[in-house]
PDB file of N, CA and C in Angstrom:
ATOM      1  N   MET A   1      -6.568  46.040  29.012  1.00  0.00           N
ATOM      2  CA  MET A   1      -6.050  45.284  28.548  1.00  0.00           C
ATOM      3  C   MET A   1      -6.739  44.242  27.794  1.00  0.00           C
ATOM      4  N   ILE A   2      -8.023  44.139  28.365  1.00  0.00           N
ATOM      5  CA  ILE A   2      -8.571  42.941  27.757  1.00  0.00           C
ATOM      6  C   ILE A   2      -9.440  43.633  26.209  1.00  0.00           C
ATOM      7  N   HIS A   3      -9.506  44.906  26.455  1.00  0.00           N
ATOM      8  CA  HIS A   3     -10.042  45.476  24.684  1.00  0.00           C
ATOM      9  C   HIS A   3      -9.174  45.492  24.093  1.00  0.00           C
ATOM     10  N   ALA A   4      -7.755  45.644  24.320  1.00  0.00           N
ATOM     11  CA  ALA A   4      -6.695  45.294  23.471  1.00  0.00           C
ATOM     12  C   ALA A   4      -6.387  44.158  22.883  1.00  0.00           C
ATOM     13  N   VAL A   5      -6.633  43.114  23.739  1.00  0.00           N
ATOM     14  CA  VAL A   5      -6.466  41.774  23.241  1.00  0.00           C
ATOM     15  C   VAL A   5      -7.625  41.161  22.411  1.00  0.00           C
ATOM     16  N   ALA A   6      -8.900  41.784  22.782  1.00  0.00           N
ATOM     17  CA  ALA A   6      -9.922  41.623  21.996  1.00  0.00           C
ATOM     18  C   ALA A   6     -10.071  42.236  20.320  1.00  0.00           C
ATOM     19  N   GLU A   7      -9.260  43.381  20.317  1.00  0.00           N
ATOM     20  CA  GLU A   7      -8.947  44.066  19.230  1.00  0.00           C
ATOM     21  C   GLU A   7      -8.264  43.353  18.381  1.00  0.00           C
ATOM     22  N   ARG A   8      -6.952  43.194  19.114  1.00  0.00           N
ATOM     23  CA  ARG A   8      -6.075  42.176  18.210  1.00  0.00           C
ATOM     24  C   ARG A   8      -6.458  40.990  17.380  1.00  0.00           C
ATOM     25  N   PHE A   9      -7.475  40.154  18.207  1.00  0.00           N
ATOM     26  CA  PHE A   9      -8.075  39.122  17.818  1.00  0.00           C
ATOM     27  C   PHE A   9      -8.866  39.204  16.520  1.00  0.00           C
ATOM     28  N   LYS A  10      -9.971  40.432  16.831  1.00  0.00           N
ATOM     29  CA  LYS A  10     -10.338  40.795  15.692  1.00  0.00           C
ATOM     30  C   LYS A  10      -9.465  41.173  14.383  1.00  0.00           C
ATOM     31  N   GLU A  11      -8.733  42.183  15.065  1.00  0.00           N
ATOM     32  CA  GLU A  11      -7.667  42.163  13.419  1.00  0.00           C
ATOM     33  C   GLU A  11      -7.140  40.906  12.995  1.00  0.00           C
ATOM     34  N   LEU A  12      -6.521  39.946  13.636  1.00  0.00           N
ATOM     35  CA  LEU A  12      -6.353  38.729  13.088  1.00  0.00           C
ATOM     36  C   LEU A  12      -6.984  38.039  12.186  1.00  0.00           C
ATOM     37  N   ARG A  13      -8.221  38.213  12.669  1.00  0.00           N
ATOM     38  CA  ARG A  13      -9.471  37.524  12.184  1.00  0.00           C
ATOM     39  C   ARG A  13      -9.844  38.161  10.796  1.00  0.00           C
ATOM     40  N   LYS A  14      -9.981  39.356  10.859  1.00  0.00           N
ATOM     41  CA  LYS A  14     -10.493  39.947   9.394  1.00  0.00           C
ATOM     42  C   LYS A  14      -9.356  40.024   8.758  1.00  0.00           C
ATOM     43  N   ALA A  15      -7.876  40.036   8.785  1.00  0.00           N
ATOM     44  CA  ALA A  15      -6.884  39.903   8.044  1.00  0.00           C
ATOM     45  C   ALA A  15      -6.887  38.735   7.191  1.00  0.00           C
ATOM     46  N   ARG A  16      -7.255  37.830   7.598  1.00  0.00           N
ATOM     47  CA  ARG A  16      -7.286  36.121   7.199  1.00  0.00           C
ATOM     48  C   ARG A  16      -8.648  36.051   6.466  1.00  0.00           C
ATOM     49  N   GLU A  17      -9.569  36.983   6.494  1.00  0.00           N
ATOM     50  CA  GLU A  17     -10.989  37.083   6.051  1.00  0.00           C
ATOM     51  C   GLU A  17     -12.105  35.876   6.489  1.00  0.00           C
ATOM     52  N   ILE A  18     -11.629  35.486   7.663  1.00  0.00           N
ATOM     53  CA  ILE A  18     -12.322  34.351   8.253  1.00  0.00           C
ATOM     54  C   ILE A  18     -13.567  34.968   9.270  1.00  0.00           C
ATOM     55  N   SER A  19     -14.689  34.190   9.229  1.00  0.00           N
ATOM     56  CA  SER A  19     -15.676  34.663   9.994  1.00  0.00           C
ATOM     57  C   SER A  19     -15.663  34.304  11.406  1.00  0.00           C
ATOM     58  N   GLN A  20     -16.402  34.803  12.250  1.00  0.00           N
ATOM     59  CA  GLN A  20     -16.749  34.439  13.519  1.00  0.00           C
ATOM     60  C   GLN A  20     -17.496  32.875  13.758  1.00  0.00           C
ATOM     61  N   GLU A  21     -17.950  32.760  13.076  1.00  0.00           N
ATOM     62  CA  GLU A  21     -18.734  31.412  12.833  1.00  0.00           C
ATOM     63  C   GLU A  21     -18.008  30.458  12.598  1.00  0.00           C
ATOM     64  N   LEU A  22     -16.697  30.642  11.720  1.00  0.00           N
ATOM     65  CA  LEU A  22     -15.730  29.616  11.279  1.00  0.00           C
ATOM     66  C   LEU A  22     -14.825  29.333  12.365  1.00  0.00           C
ATOM     67  N   VAL A  23     -14.521  30.624  12.961  1.00  0.00           N
ATOM     68  CA  VAL A  23     -13.400  30.381  14.168  1.00  0.00           C
ATOM     69  C   VAL A  23     -14.058  29.629  14.999  1.00  0.00           C
ATOM     70  N   GLN A  24     -15.289  29.640  15.539  1.00  0.00           N
ATOM     71  CA  GLN A  24     -16.038  28.898  16.243  1.00  0.00           C
ATOM     72  C   GLN A  24     -16.076  27.211  15.960  1.00  0.00           C
ATOM     73  N   ILE A  25     -16.458  27.125  14.801  1.00  0.00           N
ATOM     74  CA  ILE A  25     -16.400  25.672  14.369  1.00  0.00           C
ATOM     75  C   ILE A  25     -15.263  25.076  14.362  1.00  0.00           C
ATOM     76  N   ASP A  26     -14.082  25.757  13.951  1.00  0.00           N
ATOM     77  CA  ASP A  26     -12.780  25.289  14.174  1.00  0.00           C
ATOM     78  C   ASP A  26     -12.024  24.741  15.508  1.00  0.00           C
ATOM     79  N   THR A  27     -12.511  25.823  16.282  1.00  0.00           N
ATOM     80  CA  THR A  27     -11.721  25.956  17.420  1.00  0.00           C
ATOM     81  C   THR A  27     -12.553  25.491  18.621  1.00  0.00           C
ATOM     82  N   GLY A  28     -14.040  26.099  18.455  1.00  0.00           N
ATOM     83  CA  GLY A  28     -14.797  25.685  19.675  1.00  0.00           C
ATOM     84  C   GLY A  28     -14.843  26.641  20.828  1.00  0.00           C
ATOM     85  N   TYR A  29     -14.297  27.972  20.528  1.00  0.00           N
ATOM     86  CA  TYR A  29     -14.167  29.126  20.895  1.00  0.00           C
ATOM     87  C   TYR A  29     -15.256  30.392  20.301  1.00  0.00           C
ATOM     88  N   ASN A  30     -16.260  30.816  21.168  1.00  0.00           N
ATOM     89  CA  ASN A  30     -16.826  31.990  21.018  1.00  0.00           C
ATOM     90  C   ASN A  30     -16.223  33.287  20.761  1.00  0.00           C
ATOM     91  N   ILE A  31     -15.683  33.343  19.665  1.00  0.00           N
ATOM     92  CA  ILE A  31     -14.696  34.339  19.119  1.00  0.00           C
ATOM     93  C   ILE A  31     -15.401  35.594  19.672  1.00  0.00           C
ATOM     94  N   GLY A  32     -16.698  35.800  19.190  1.00  0.00           N
ATOM     95  CA  GLY A  32     -17.510  37.210  19.214  1.00  0.00           C
ATOM     96  C   GLY A  32     -17.571  37.491  20.602  1.00  0.00           C
ATOM     97  N   GLY A  33     -17.456  36.624  21.555  1.00  0.00           N
ATOM     98  CA  GLY A  33     -17.573  37.231  22.934  1.00  0.00           C
ATOM     99  C   GLY A  33     -16.048  37.851  23.462  1.00  0.00           C
ATOM    100  N   LEU A  34     -15.241  36.689  22.597  1.00  0.00           N
ATOM    101  CA  LEU A  34     -13.827  37.578  22.800  1.00  0.00           C
ATOM    102  C   LEU A  34     -13.418  38.892  22.542  1.00  0.00           C
ATOM    103  N   GLU A  35     -13.710  39.184  20.946  1.00  0.00           N
ATOM    104  CA  GLU A  35     -13.495  40.082  20.389  1.00  0.00           C
ATOM    105  C   GLU A  35     -14.086  41.353  21.164  1.00  0.00           C
ATOM    106  N   SER A  36     -15.440  41.214  21.599  1.00  0.00           N
ATOM    107  CA  SER A  36     -16.244  42.304  22.026  1.00  0.00           C
ATOM    108  C   SER A  36     -15.523  42.751  23.578  1.00  0.00           C
ATOM    109  N   GLY A  37     -14.372  41.859  24.201  1.00  0.00           N
ATOM    110  CA  GLY A  37     -13.969  42.232  25.464  1.00  0.00           C
ATOM    111  C   GLY A  37     -15.076  41.582  26.499  1.00  0.00           C
ATOM    112  N   ALA A  38     -16.191  41.032  26.222  1.00  0.00           N
ATOM    113  CA  ALA A  38     -17.004  40.526  27.194  1.00  0.00           C
ATOM    114  C   ALA A  38     -16.402  39.416  28.411  1.00  0.00           C
ATOM    115  N   TYR A  39     -15.568  38.802  28.084  1.00  0.00           N
ATOM    116  CA  TYR A  39     -14.759  38.289  29.116  1.00  0.00           C
ATOM    117  C   TYR A  39     -13.382  38.053  29.034  1.00  0.00           C
ATOM    118  N   ASN A  40     -12.574  37.663  30.067  1.00  0.00           N
ATOM    119  CA  ASN A  40     -11.357  37.502  29.646  1.00  0.00           C
ATOM    120  C   ASN A  40     -11.022  36.241  29.496  1.00  0.00           C
ATOM    121  N   ILE A  41      -9.732  35.903  29.133  1.00  0.00           N
ATOM    122  CA  ILE A  41      -9.372  34.369  28.387  1.00  0.00           C
ATOM    123  C   ILE A  41      -8.197  33.857  29.374  1.00  0.00           C
ATOM    124  N   THR A  42      -8.066  32.541  29.140  1.00  0.00           N
ATOM    125  CA  THR A  42      -7.121  32.153  29.785  1.00  0.00           C
ATOM    126  C   THR A  42      -5.862  31.946  28.774  1.00  0.00           C
ATOM    127  N   ILE A  43      -4.791  31.276  29.598  1.00  0.00           N
ATOM    128  CA  ILE A  43      -3.558  31.469  28.782  1.00  0.00           C
ATOM    129  C   ILE A  43      -3.544  30.540  27.612  1.00  0.00           C
ATOM    130  N   SER A  44      -4.065  29.354  28.136  1.00  0.00           N
ATOM    131  CA  SER A  44      -4.129  28.100  26.850  1.00  0.00           C
ATOM    132  C   SER A  44      -5.077  28.782  25.946  1.00  0.00           C
ATOM    133  N   THR A  45      -6.233  29.364  26.051  1.00  0.00           N
ATOM    134  CA  THR A  45      -6.845  29.904  25.373  1.00  0.00           C
ATOM    135  C   THR A  45      -6.283  30.773  23.758  1.00  0.00           C
ATOM    136  N   LEU A  46      -5.211  31.670  24.595  1.00  0.00           N
ATOM    137  CA  LEU A  46      -4.671  32.315  24.402  1.00  0.00           C
ATOM    138  C   LEU A  46      -3.732  32.046  22.954  1.00  0.00           C
ATOM    139  N   SER A  47      -3.156  30.690  23.749  1.00  0.00           N
ATOM    140  CA  SER A  47      -2.219  29.993  22.883  1.00  0.00           C
ATOM    141  C   SER A  47      -2.705  29.129  21.594  1.00  0.00           C
ATOM    142  N   ASN A  48      -3.993  28.605  22.013  1.00  0.00           N
ATOM    143  CA  ASN A  48      -4.645  27.968  21.336  1.00  0.00           C
ATOM    144  C   ASN A  48      -5.108  28.858  20.112  1.00  0.00           C
ATOM    145  N   LEU A  49      -5.571  29.727  20.148  1.00  0.00           N
ATOM    146  CA  LEU A  49      -6.214  31.042  19.209  1.00  0.00           C
ATOM    147  C   LEU A  49      -4.952  31.217  18.570  1.00  0.00           C
ATOM    148  N   CYS A  50      -3.608  31.606  19.151  1.00  0.00           N
ATOM    149  CA  CYS A  50      -2.498  32.170  18.480  1.00  0.00           C
ATOM    150  C   CYS A  50      -1.969  30.851  17.494  1.00  0.00           C
ATOM    151  N   LYS A  51      -2.083  29.736  17.771  1.00  0.00           N
ATOM    152  CA  LYS A  51      -1.734  28.735  16.890  1.00  0.00           C
ATOM    153  C   LYS A  51      -2.538  28.673  15.901  1.00  0.00           C
ATOM    154  N   TYR A  52      -3.527  28.931  16.214  1.00  0.00           N
ATOM    155  CA  TYR A  52      -5.217  29.015  15.084  1.00  0.00           C
ATOM    156  C   TYR A  52      -5.111  30.016  13.860  1.00  0.00           C
ATOM    157  N   TYR A  53      -4.463  31.207  14.272  1.00  0.00           N
ATOM    158  CA  TYR A  53      -4.189  32.424  13.612  1.00  0.00           C
ATOM    159  C   TYR A  53      -2.689  32.245  12.977  1.00  0.00           C
ATOM    160  N   GLY A  54      -1.756  31.279  13.396  1.00  0.00           N
ATOM    161  CA  GLY A  54      -0.381  31.276  12.885  1.00  0.00           C
ATOM    162  C   GLY A  54       0.623  32.496  13.410  1.00  0.00           C
ATOM    163  N   VAL A  55       0.390  32.724  14.713  1.00  0.00           N
ATOM    164  CA  VAL A  55       1.347  33.776  15.247  1.00  0.00           C
ATOM    165  C   VAL A  55       1.826  33.262  16.601  1.00  0.00           C
ATOM    166  N   SER A  56       2.804  33.897  16.973  1.00  0.00           N
ATOM    167  CA  SER A  56       3.219  33.632  18.149  1.00  0.00           C
ATOM    168  C   SER A  56       2.529  34.246  19.043  1.00  0.00           C
ATOM    169  N   ILE A  57       2.838  33.889  20.418  1.00  0.00           N
ATOM    170  CA  ILE A  57       2.109  34.740  21.647  1.00  0.00           C
ATOM    171  C   ILE A  57       2.820  36.152  21.533  1.00  0.00           C
ATOM    172  N   LYS A  58       4.446  35.943  21.280  1.00  0.00           N
ATOM    173  CA  LYS A  58       5.005  37.313  21.012  1.00  0.00           C
ATOM    174  C   LYS A  58       4.696  37.683  20.023  1.00  0.00           C
ATOM    175  N   GLU A  59       4.143  37.595  18.685  1.00  0.00           N
ATOM    176  CA  GLU A  59       3.611  38.196  17.868  1.00  0.00           C
ATOM    177  C   GLU A  59       2.401  38.656  18.121  1.00  0.00           C
ATOM    178  N   PHE A  60       1.629  38.064  18.869  1.00  0.00           N
ATOM    179  CA  PHE A  60       0.371  38.519  19.433  1.00  0.00           C
ATOM    180  C   PHE A  60       0.561  39.859  19.898  1.00  0.00           C
ATOM    181  N   PHE A  61       1.276  39.679  20.577  1.00  0.00           N
ATOM    182  CA  PHE A  61       1.279  41.092  21.926  1.00  0.00           C
ATOM    183  C   PHE A  61       2.318  41.975  21.441  1.00  0.00           C
ATOM    184  N   ASP A  62       3.045  42.020  20.164  1.00  0.00           N
ATOM    185  CA  ASP A  62       3.804  43.198  19.393  1.00  0.00           C
ATOM    186  C   ASP A  62       2.613  44.241  18.883  1.00  0.00           C
ATOM    187  N   GLY A  63       3.249  45.322  19.508  1.00  0.00           N
ATOM    188  CA  GLY A  63       2.204  46.400  19.428  1.00  0.00           C
ATOM    189  C   GLY A  63       1.132  46.799  20.237  1.00  0.00           C
ATOM    190  N   ILE A  64       1.107  46.075  21.202  1.00  0.00           N
ATOM    191  CA  ILE A  64      -0.097  45.972  22.329  1.00  0.00           C
ATOM    192  C   ILE A  64       0.698  46.848  23.426  1.00  0.00           C
ATOM    193  N   GLU A  65      -0.018  47.860  23.995  1.00  0.00           N
ATOM    194  CA  GLU A  65       0.518  48.882  24.702  1.00  0.00           C
ATOM    195  C   GLU A  65       0.012  48.064  26.311  1.00  0.00           C
ATOM    196  N   ILE A  66       0.920  47.718  27.104  1.00  0.00           N
ATOM    197  CA  ILE A  66       0.247  47.263  28.680  1.00  0.00           C
ATOM    198  C   ILE A  66       0.108  48.432  29.407  1.00  0.00           C
ATOM    199  N   GLU A  67      -0.967  48.867  29.916  1.00  0.00           N
ATOM    200  CA  GLU A  67      -1.222  49.854  30.675  1.00  0.00           C
ATOM    201  C   GLU A  67      -0.729  49.622  32.063  1.00  0.00           C
TER     202      GLU A  67
END
């Protein structure tokens, strides 16, 4: 599941043509670490990043298969 979430963040960022550096500047989150699946995130981090990318949490999880 962590890797599916990581891949979804990468897809959102690339679709918006935003660099990892810009995401970190704007949000304070090391998105590179999140996108690599290096660590799990909190619900509040997920919520904040969804707001940053302009998607709801429901939209974020659409298409992600839960194992």
